[in-house]
Amino acid sequence: MFKPVVTPGDTSWFVRDRFGMFIHWGLYSLAARHEWVKYNEEISDERYSYYFEHYNPDRYDPKAWARDARDAGMKYTVLTTKHHEGFCLWDSQLTDYKITNTPYGKDALHPFVDAFRAEGLRIGFYHSLIDWHHPHFPIDGQHPMRNHPDAQEMNKHRDMGKYVEYLHGQVRELLTEFGKIDILWFDFSYPDFVYRGLPGKGRNEWQSEKLLKMVRELQPGIIVNNRLNLPKGNADFYTPEQYQPRSWVRVDDEPVVWEACQTFSGSWGYYRDEETWKSPEQLVQMLINTVACGGNLIMNVGPTPRGTFDDRSLHALNVYGDWLRAHGRSIYGCTQSEFAPPQDCRFTQNGNRLYLHIFNWPFRFIYLDGLAGKIRYAQLLHDGSEVFVKSALRDYNYEAVAQPVSADTAVLELPVRKPNVVVPVVEIILE
């Protein structure tokens, strides 16, 4: 079994910062109907070249993106340097299929890195292991040409070794030309996926051991995700996608560092006509649920072909910013609590600070089992106003509380009306 070749990455900042911005941006933004449009519609290279010929994000302003991310309360960013389509956002010396050869004519990655660093955000690069454009990437079940009648014959002229040399070379460029990089987010492996006799790809095809060794040597301390198809112990964090874990993510029955990757709507790339955008309550509750289970949340923005965040994305970012400006203490530096929350609530905790996130506002009382005599003070976090803490048995009779209680149950007495915030939080200072 392959074992780590050097010291794993430093996740101490990662589990403190908790919240990041994913950005999926490429040629697929012009199609405006999902970043997998080339695969979904089995578009030929010739037809897809129209997007390359017309790519001109003339309104691209990475400084504005960085301000939006900072104002939303995000602490780090991950940008798609190359998605599955193979198009590169920097002036790679290993390909002509790059942004500097489009009508835009300029590198997009250096200004991005500079802008986000200037706003104090850590920098991450997403890099696809897959490449639908490269002439030596063998056609498989994850390829737009998977149903081409000559796919097997075409593969006879494709050399995986030459593609791997290209893949490793581009990763070397990314880790040597942009200063310190905090995250490398690879995507993805599928060694057991066989389609019409076309085999999938995993660690052997990517030469993942060699690739990871190079990454760690070039950027000591960088954190790398789990999609290289390597055994446990080689990934610094795990990446459940488009679902919300209900408990701390475990691998081989051991808890791991993890990050839920999610979208504001149903697509990662810009999708003009997509209508499943999440409500403010869903957005905030996803962040809370994640941290309450010991994880990070990275939320995605798909910029438009002209290089802007559209109004729907800006609205979602504003939802986070408004809520986190008042409630950030309940997220940053927090993790899963040792206490079990009451119904329709979630706990996060940072030392002796326990945060009760109330998803369904009750009438007057919330009962906290196991916390009687352990609470020094409680307050609503958004305005700092006191919340009375009482003992269920000492301060109320059974008829008043209308439910069985035990000697270790504390009672929070809340205002009748829900505060005007998406999810109210009670900050509890423990003895």
Protein backbone atom coordinates (compact mmCIF):
# COMPACT_ATOMS: atom_id res chain seq x y z
CA MET A 1 0.00 0.00 0.00
CA PHE A 2 1.23 3.49 -0.86
CA LYS A 3 2.11 5.55 2.20
CA PRO A 4 2.56 9.30 2.58
CA VAL A 5 5.91 10.33 1.12
CA VAL A 6 6.26 13.56 3.08
CA THR A 7 4.50 15.36 5.91
CA PRO A 8 0.77 15.88 5.19
CA GLY A 9 -0.61 19.37 4.74
CA ASP A 10 -1.44 21.84 7.48
CA THR A 11 -5.21 21.89 8.03
CA SER A 12 -5.12 24.01 11.22
CA TRP A 13 -6.19 27.18 9.39
CA PHE A 14 -8.72 25.26 7.32
CA VAL A 15 -10.74 23.93 10.26
CA ARG A 16 -10.69 27.39 11.82
CA ASP A 17 -11.82 29.35 8.76
CA ARG A 18 -14.68 26.94 7.91
CA PHE A 19 -16.16 28.81 4.92
CA GLY A 20 -14.86 29.24 1.38
CA MET A 21 -15.82 30.23 -2.16
CA PHE A 22 -15.62 27.80 -5.08
CA ILE A 23 -15.54 29.35 -8.56
CA HIS A 24 -16.27 27.34 -11.71
CA TRP A 25 -15.44 29.40 -14.78
CA GLY A 26 -14.54 28.37 -18.30
CA LEU A 27 -15.76 28.08 -21.87
CA TYR A 28 -18.91 26.33 -20.68
CA SER A 29 -20.12 29.66 -19.28
CA LEU A 30 -20.90 30.75 -22.85
CA ALA A 31 -23.17 27.73 -23.34
CA ALA A 32 -24.82 28.75 -20.04
CA ARG A 33 -26.35 25.33 -19.51
CA HIS A 34 -24.08 23.38 -17.14
CA GLU A 35 -20.32 22.92 -16.96
CA TRP A 36 -20.75 19.35 -18.27
CA VAL A 37 -22.54 20.59 -21.41
CA LYS A 38 -19.91 19.10 -23.73
CA TYR A 39 -20.42 15.69 -22.12
CA ASN A 40 -24.19 15.94 -21.67
CA GLU A 41 -24.82 16.91 -25.29
CA GLU A 42 -21.88 14.94 -26.74
CA ILE A 43 -20.58 18.05 -28.46
CA SER A 44 -17.69 17.59 -30.88
CA ASP A 45 -14.41 19.49 -30.55
CA GLU A 46 -15.26 21.35 -33.75
CA ARG A 47 -18.60 22.58 -32.43
CA TYR A 48 -17.21 23.34 -28.98
CA SER A 49 -14.47 25.48 -30.56
CA TYR A 50 -17.12 28.19 -31.12
CA TYR A 51 -16.96 28.96 -27.40
CA PHE A 52 -13.17 29.28 -27.55
CA GLU A 53 -13.45 31.63 -30.53
CA HIS A 54 -15.92 33.90 -28.72
CA TYR A 55 -14.58 33.83 -25.15
CA ASN A 56 -14.07 37.44 -24.12
CA PRO A 57 -14.84 38.19 -20.44
CA ASP A 58 -14.42 41.93 -20.89
CA ARG A 59 -16.02 42.71 -17.51
CA TYR A 60 -13.77 40.39 -15.52
CA ASP A 61 -12.71 42.19 -12.35
CA PRO A 62 -11.07 39.83 -9.85
CA LYS A 63 -10.84 42.63 -7.30
CA ALA A 64 -14.63 42.83 -7.29
CA TRP A 65 -14.88 39.05 -6.94
CA ALA A 66 -12.49 39.14 -4.00
CA ARG A 67 -14.45 41.90 -2.27
CA ASP A 68 -17.66 39.95 -2.77
CA ALA A 69 -16.10 36.84 -1.25
CA ARG A 70 -14.72 38.77 1.71
CA ASP A 71 -18.00 40.59 2.30
CA ALA A 72 -19.83 37.25 2.25
CA GLY A 73 -17.66 36.07 5.13
CA MET A 74 -15.62 33.61 3.07
CA LYS A 75 -12.04 32.98 4.18
CA TYR A 76 -10.56 31.07 1.25
CA THR A 77 -11.20 30.49 -2.43
CA VAL A 78 -10.77 27.67 -4.95
CA LEU A 79 -10.84 28.50 -8.68
CA THR A 80 -11.04 26.07 -11.60
CA THR A 81 -7.70 26.51 -13.34
CA LYS A 82 -8.80 23.81 -15.80
CA HIS A 83 -12.10 21.94 -15.78
CA HIS A 84 -12.87 18.71 -17.66
CA GLU A 85 -13.19 20.60 -20.94
CA GLY A 86 -9.41 21.16 -20.87
CA PHE A 87 -9.48 24.96 -21.21
CA CYS A 88 -6.86 26.76 -19.08
CA LEU A 89 -7.29 30.11 -17.36
CA TRP A 90 -3.55 30.86 -17.29
CA ASP A 91 -0.83 31.19 -19.91
CA SER A 92 0.32 27.58 -19.72
CA GLN A 93 3.40 26.85 -21.80
CA LEU A 94 2.17 23.31 -22.43
CA THR A 95 -0.94 24.02 -24.51
CA ASP A 96 -2.52 26.45 -26.94
CA TYR A 97 -5.95 25.78 -25.43
CA LYS A 98 -5.79 28.67 -23.00
CA ILE A 99 -7.34 32.03 -22.27
CA THR A 100 -4.45 34.03 -23.75
CA ASN A 101 -5.35 32.64 -27.18
CA THR A 102 -9.02 33.69 -26.98
CA PRO A 103 -10.30 37.15 -27.95
CA TYR A 104 -9.74 38.13 -24.31
CA GLY A 105 -6.02 37.63 -24.86
CA LYS A 106 -4.88 37.93 -21.24
CA ASP A 107 -4.00 35.63 -18.35
CA ALA A 108 -6.83 35.50 -15.79
CA LEU A 109 -5.13 33.58 -13.02
CA HIS A 110 -2.35 35.92 -11.91
CA PRO A 111 -4.71 38.87 -11.33
CA PHE A 112 -7.12 36.52 -9.55
CA VAL A 113 -4.44 35.32 -7.13
CA ASP A 114 -3.22 38.87 -6.48
CA ALA A 115 -6.75 40.21 -5.87
CA PHE A 116 -7.81 37.50 -3.44
CA ARG A 117 -4.52 37.62 -1.54
CA ALA A 118 -4.96 41.38 -1.18
CA GLU A 119 -8.32 40.78 0.53
CA GLY A 120 -6.75 38.31 2.95
CA LEU A 121 -8.24 35.13 1.47
CA ARG A 122 -6.23 31.95 1.11
CA ILE A 123 -5.75 30.62 -2.41
CA GLY A 124 -6.80 27.26 -3.80
CA PHE A 125 -6.61 25.78 -7.29
CA TYR A 126 -9.07 23.23 -8.64
CA HIS A 127 -7.46 21.17 -11.40
CA SER A 128 -9.25 18.47 -13.36
CA LEU A 129 -7.47 15.18 -13.86
CA ILE A 130 -9.78 14.72 -16.84
CA ASP A 131 -9.26 16.50 -20.16
CA TRP A 132 -11.78 16.19 -22.98
CA HIS A 133 -9.71 18.33 -25.33
CA HIS A 134 -6.25 16.75 -25.07
CA PRO A 135 -5.50 14.49 -28.07
CA HIS A 136 -3.86 11.84 -25.90
CA PHE A 137 -6.53 11.59 -23.22
CA PRO A 138 -8.12 8.16 -23.83
CA ILE A 139 -11.85 8.16 -24.44
CA ASP A 140 -13.78 6.55 -21.58
CA GLY A 141 -17.26 6.56 -20.07
CA GLN A 142 -16.74 10.11 -18.74
CA HIS A 143 -15.87 11.51 -22.17
CA PRO A 144 -18.13 13.35 -24.67
CA MET A 145 -17.05 10.87 -27.40
CA ARG A 146 -18.00 7.80 -25.35
CA ASN A 147 -20.74 6.81 -27.79
CA HIS A 148 -18.77 7.47 -30.96
CA PRO A 149 -18.78 4.28 -33.05
CA ASP A 150 -15.00 4.53 -33.52
CA ALA A 151 -14.10 5.28 -29.88
CA GLN A 152 -12.08 2.07 -29.43
CA GLU A 153 -10.22 2.65 -32.68
CA MET A 154 -9.54 6.29 -31.80
CA ASN A 155 -8.01 5.23 -28.50
CA LYS A 156 -5.34 3.23 -30.34
CA HIS A 157 -3.79 6.56 -31.30
CA ARG A 158 -3.93 8.04 -27.80
CA ASP A 159 -1.04 7.67 -25.36
CA MET A 160 -1.94 7.98 -21.68
CA GLY A 161 1.73 8.40 -20.83
CA LYS A 162 1.93 11.56 -22.91
CA TYR A 163 -1.22 12.90 -21.27
CA VAL A 164 0.13 12.20 -17.77
CA GLU A 165 3.32 14.06 -18.62
CA TYR A 166 1.12 17.01 -19.61
CA LEU A 167 -1.03 16.73 -16.47
CA HIS A 168 1.98 16.67 -14.14
CA GLY A 169 3.65 19.47 -16.08
CA GLN A 170 0.66 21.76 -15.70
CA VAL A 171 0.43 21.07 -11.97
CA ARG A 172 4.11 21.98 -11.72
CA GLU A 173 3.38 25.28 -13.47
CA LEU A 174 0.53 26.06 -11.07
CA LEU A 175 2.67 25.36 -8.02
CA THR A 176 5.76 27.28 -9.14
CA GLU A 177 4.44 30.40 -10.88
CA PHE A 178 1.87 31.81 -8.43
CA GLY A 179 3.58 31.92 -5.05
CA LYS A 180 2.21 30.08 -2.03
CA ILE A 181 -0.88 27.99 -2.79
CA ASP A 182 -2.94 26.78 0.16
CA ILE A 183 -5.23 24.18 -1.44
CA LEU A 184 -4.99 21.85 -4.42
CA TRP A 185 -8.40 20.45 -5.28
CA PHE A 186 -8.11 17.58 -7.79
CA ASP A 187 -11.14 16.17 -9.61
CA PHE A 188 -11.71 13.18 -10.10
CA SER A 189 -11.05 9.39 -10.26
CA TYR A 190 -13.27 6.56 -11.46
CA PRO A 191 -11.15 3.39 -11.79
CA ASP A 192 -14.08 0.96 -11.58
CA PHE A 193 -16.31 2.72 -14.11
CA VAL A 194 -16.32 0.67 -17.31
CA TYR A 195 -18.55 1.83 -20.17
CA ARG A 196 -18.97 -0.18 -23.36
CA GLY A 197 -15.58 -1.74 -22.83
CA LEU A 198 -13.90 1.62 -22.15
CA PRO A 199 -12.09 1.43 -18.78
CA GLY A 200 -12.12 4.19 -16.18
CA LYS A 201 -9.14 5.95 -14.66
CA GLY A 202 -7.63 6.11 -11.19
CA ARG A 203 -4.35 6.27 -9.34
CA ASN A 204 -2.47 4.07 -11.82
CA GLU A 205 -3.53 6.13 -14.82
CA TRP A 206 -2.84 9.50 -13.15
CA GLN A 207 0.39 8.21 -11.54
CA SER A 208 -1.08 9.69 -8.38
CA GLU A 209 1.77 8.68 -6.06
CA LYS A 210 4.31 10.51 -8.21
CA LEU A 211 1.97 13.48 -8.65
CA LEU A 212 1.31 13.86 -4.93
CA LYS A 213 5.00 13.56 -4.10
CA MET A 214 5.75 16.42 -6.50
CA VAL A 215 2.94 18.55 -5.06
CA ARG A 216 4.16 18.18 -1.49
CA GLU A 217 7.76 18.86 -2.46
CA LEU A 218 6.88 22.00 -4.39
CA GLN A 219 4.45 23.40 -1.81
CA PRO A 220 5.13 22.11 1.72
CA GLY A 221 2.06 22.58 3.91
CA ILE A 222 -0.42 22.69 1.00
CA ILE A 223 -3.58 20.69 1.63
CA VAL A 224 -4.79 18.22 -1.00
CA ASN A 225 -8.22 16.63 -1.31
CA ASN A 226 -9.15 12.97 -1.62
CA ARG A 227 -9.85 12.56 -5.34
CA LEU A 228 -6.52 11.10 -6.49
CA ASN A 229 -7.79 7.58 -5.64
CA LEU A 230 -5.06 7.01 -3.06
CA PRO A 231 -5.42 5.09 0.21
CA LYS A 232 -6.43 6.83 3.41
CA GLY A 233 -3.63 8.87 4.90
CA ASN A 234 -2.71 10.63 1.67
CA ALA A 235 -5.58 13.12 1.54
CA ASP A 236 -5.70 16.06 3.91
CA PHE A 237 -9.46 16.50 3.57
CA TYR A 238 -12.49 14.70 2.13
CA THR A 239 -15.09 16.25 -0.14
CA PRO A 240 -18.75 15.14 0.02
CA GLU A 241 -20.43 16.80 -2.98
CA GLN A 242 -23.97 18.10 -3.34
CA TYR A 243 -25.30 16.47 -0.18
CA GLN A 244 -25.17 17.38 3.49
CA PRO A 245 -23.66 14.80 5.87
CA ARG A 246 -25.73 14.22 8.98
CA SER A 247 -22.72 13.54 11.19
CA TRP A 248 -18.94 13.92 11.20
CA VAL A 249 -17.55 12.29 8.03
CA ARG A 250 -15.63 9.10 8.78
CA VAL A 251 -13.29 6.97 6.68
CA ASP A 252 -12.50 3.45 7.86
CA ASP A 253 -14.61 4.37 10.88
CA GLU A 254 -12.31 7.24 11.86
CA PRO A 255 -13.29 10.94 11.73
CA VAL A 256 -11.52 12.96 9.03
CA VAL A 257 -11.17 16.60 8.04
CA TRP A 258 -13.90 17.30 5.52
CA GLU A 259 -15.47 19.95 3.33
CA ALA A 260 -18.97 19.88 1.86
CA CYS A 261 -18.91 21.35 -1.65
CA GLN A 262 -22.22 22.87 -2.66
CA THR A 263 -23.84 25.17 -5.19
CA PHE A 264 -26.28 28.06 -4.90
CA SER A 265 -28.36 26.33 -7.58
CA GLY A 266 -28.14 22.96 -9.33
CA SER A 267 -25.10 23.72 -11.48
CA TRP A 268 -21.45 24.62 -10.90
CA GLY A 269 -20.92 26.60 -14.10
CA TYR A 270 -23.08 29.57 -15.11
CA TYR A 271 -26.56 28.28 -16.01
CA ARG A 272 -28.77 31.10 -17.27
CA ASP A 273 -32.11 29.24 -17.09
CA GLU A 274 -31.56 27.14 -13.95
CA GLU A 275 -34.30 27.72 -11.38
CA THR A 276 -33.47 25.63 -8.29
CA TRP A 277 -31.76 28.43 -6.39
CA LYS A 278 -31.66 27.88 -2.64
CA SER A 279 -33.56 30.07 -0.21
CA PRO A 280 -31.79 32.22 2.41
CA GLU A 281 -32.83 29.72 5.09
CA GLN A 282 -31.36 26.81 3.14
CA LEU A 283 -28.11 28.65 2.52
CA VAL A 284 -27.51 29.59 6.13
CA GLN A 285 -28.72 26.28 7.53
CA MET A 286 -26.32 24.39 5.25
CA LEU A 287 -23.39 26.31 6.69
CA ILE A 288 -24.57 25.74 10.25
CA ASN A 289 -25.28 22.03 9.67
CA THR A 290 -21.81 21.56 8.23
CA VAL A 291 -19.93 23.18 11.09
CA ALA A 292 -22.20 21.44 13.62
CA CYS A 293 -20.91 18.16 12.14
CA GLY A 294 -17.27 19.25 12.30
CA GLY A 295 -16.85 20.22 8.64
CA ASN A 296 -16.17 23.10 6.26
CA LEU A 297 -18.51 24.46 3.60
CA ILE A 298 -17.38 25.72 0.21
CA MET A 299 -20.14 27.38 -1.82
CA ASN A 300 -19.82 27.80 -5.56
CA VAL A 301 -20.28 30.79 -7.85
CA GLY A 302 -20.43 30.33 -11.64
CA PRO A 303 -19.45 33.66 -13.24
CA THR A 304 -21.04 34.79 -16.51
CA PRO A 305 -19.22 34.67 -19.86
CA ARG A 306 -18.44 38.37 -19.46
CA GLY A 307 -16.78 37.74 -16.11
CA THR A 308 -19.36 38.95 -13.60
CA PHE A 309 -21.29 37.39 -10.74
CA ASP A 310 -24.94 37.55 -11.73
CA ASP A 311 -27.66 39.06 -9.51
CA ARG A 312 -28.74 35.68 -8.14
CA SER A 313 -25.24 34.86 -6.99
CA LEU A 314 -24.77 38.30 -5.47
CA HIS A 315 -28.04 37.91 -3.57
CA ALA A 316 -26.90 34.58 -2.14
CA LEU A 317 -23.54 36.04 -1.16
CA ASN A 318 -25.30 38.94 0.55
CA VAL A 319 -27.40 36.46 2.55
CA TYR A 320 -24.23 34.95 3.96
CA GLY A 321 -22.57 38.29 4.54
CA ASP A 322 -25.52 39.76 6.41
CA TRP A 323 -25.87 36.72 8.64
CA LEU A 324 -22.16 36.18 9.33
CA ARG A 325 -21.49 39.79 10.24
CA ALA A 326 -23.71 39.24 13.28
CA HIS A 327 -23.15 35.52 13.83
CA GLY A 328 -19.62 34.78 12.67
CA ARG A 329 -18.52 33.82 16.18
CA SER A 330 -20.78 30.77 15.94
CA ILE A 331 -18.98 29.53 12.79
CA TYR A 332 -15.31 30.55 12.67
CA GLY A 333 -13.16 28.43 14.94
CA CYS A 334 -16.15 26.32 15.92
CA THR A 335 -16.80 22.62 15.58
CA GLN A 336 -19.16 19.88 16.65
CA SER A 337 -20.33 20.21 20.25
CA GLU A 338 -20.14 17.57 22.95
CA PHE A 339 -23.78 18.38 23.80
CA ALA A 340 -26.82 17.10 21.94
CA PRO A 341 -29.02 19.95 20.63
CA PRO A 342 -32.78 20.15 21.20
CA GLN A 343 -35.21 19.48 18.38
CA ASP A 344 -35.00 21.86 15.38
CA CYS A 345 -31.72 23.30 16.62
CA ARG A 346 -27.99 22.82 16.03
CA PHE A 347 -25.04 23.33 18.36
CA THR A 348 -21.59 24.56 17.42
CA GLN A 349 -18.90 25.10 20.03
CA ASN A 350 -15.62 26.93 20.53
CA GLY A 351 -14.13 26.22 23.95
CA ASN A 352 -16.57 27.36 26.62
CA ARG A 353 -18.75 29.16 24.06
CA LEU A 354 -21.72 27.08 22.98
CA TYR A 355 -23.87 28.34 20.12
CA LEU A 356 -27.50 27.33 19.80
CA HIS A 357 -28.79 27.84 16.24
CA ILE A 358 -32.59 27.85 16.23
CA PHE A 359 -34.08 26.63 12.93
CA ASN A 360 -37.71 26.66 14.11
CA TRP A 361 -38.51 29.47 16.53
CA PRO A 362 -40.46 28.15 19.54
CA PHE A 363 -42.94 29.81 21.82
CA ARG A 364 -40.93 31.16 24.76
CA PHE A 365 -38.97 28.10 25.94
CA ILE A 366 -36.12 25.90 24.76
CA TYR A 367 -35.02 22.98 26.96
CA LEU A 368 -31.37 22.06 27.12
CA ASP A 369 -30.80 18.61 28.59
CA GLY A 370 -27.57 18.15 30.48
CA LEU A 371 -26.86 21.86 30.88
CA ALA A 372 -28.51 22.79 34.20
CA GLY A 373 -25.95 24.47 36.43
CA LYS A 374 -23.41 24.67 33.58
CA ILE A 375 -24.44 27.99 32.02
CA ARG A 376 -22.86 31.22 33.25
CA TYR A 377 -24.64 33.55 30.83
CA ALA A 378 -26.67 33.52 27.61
CA GLN A 379 -27.43 36.15 25.00
CA LEU A 380 -28.85 36.51 21.53
CA LEU A 381 -25.80 36.79 19.32
CA HIS A 382 -27.11 39.25 16.73
CA ASP A 383 -27.64 42.07 19.27
CA GLY A 384 -26.05 40.85 22.52
CA SER A 385 -29.30 40.99 24.51
CA GLU A 386 -29.62 38.77 27.55
CA VAL A 387 -31.56 35.50 27.46
CA PHE A 388 -32.81 34.26 30.82
CA VAL A 389 -31.51 30.87 31.91
CA LYS A 390 -33.51 28.91 34.44
CA SER A 391 -33.75 25.46 35.90
CA ALA A 392 -36.78 23.51 34.73
CA LEU A 393 -37.38 21.83 38.09
CA ARG A 394 -36.56 24.80 40.31
CA ASP A 395 -38.18 27.67 38.41
CA TYR A 396 -41.18 26.02 36.74
CA ASN A 397 -43.70 23.46 37.78
CA TYR A 398 -44.61 20.55 35.52
CA GLU A 399 -47.83 22.18 34.34
CA ALA A 400 -45.99 25.35 33.33
CA VAL A 401 -43.36 23.65 31.19
CA ALA A 402 -45.90 21.13 29.86
CA GLN A 403 -43.37 18.35 29.41
CA PRO A 404 -41.35 16.00 31.62
CA VAL A 405 -38.00 17.46 32.63
CA SER A 406 -35.05 16.22 34.62
CA ALA A 407 -32.79 17.83 37.17
CA ASP A 408 -30.09 18.43 34.56
CA THR A 409 -32.35 20.36 32.17
CA ALA A 410 -31.76 24.08 31.69
CA VAL A 411 -34.43 26.34 30.19
CA LEU A 412 -33.87 29.32 27.91
CA GLU A 413 -36.69 31.86 28.04
CA LEU A 414 -36.90 33.50 24.62
CA PRO A 415 -38.82 36.46 23.20
CA VAL A 416 -42.20 35.54 21.79
CA ARG A 417 -41.34 36.98 18.39
CA LYS A 418 -38.47 35.61 16.34
CA PRO A 419 -35.68 38.16 15.81
CA ASN A 420 -35.41 39.56 12.29
CA VAL A 421 -32.49 37.33 11.23
CA VAL A 422 -32.53 34.24 9.00
CA VAL A 423 -31.41 31.89 11.79
CA PRO A 424 -31.25 33.28 15.34
CA VAL A 425 -28.38 32.15 17.55
CA VAL A 426 -28.10 32.08 21.33
CA GLU A 427 -24.52 32.38 22.57
CA ILE A 428 -24.14 30.37 25.77
CA ILE A 429 -21.11 30.95 27.97
CA LEU A 430 -20.43 27.82 29.97
CA GLU A 431 -19.12 27.77 33.52
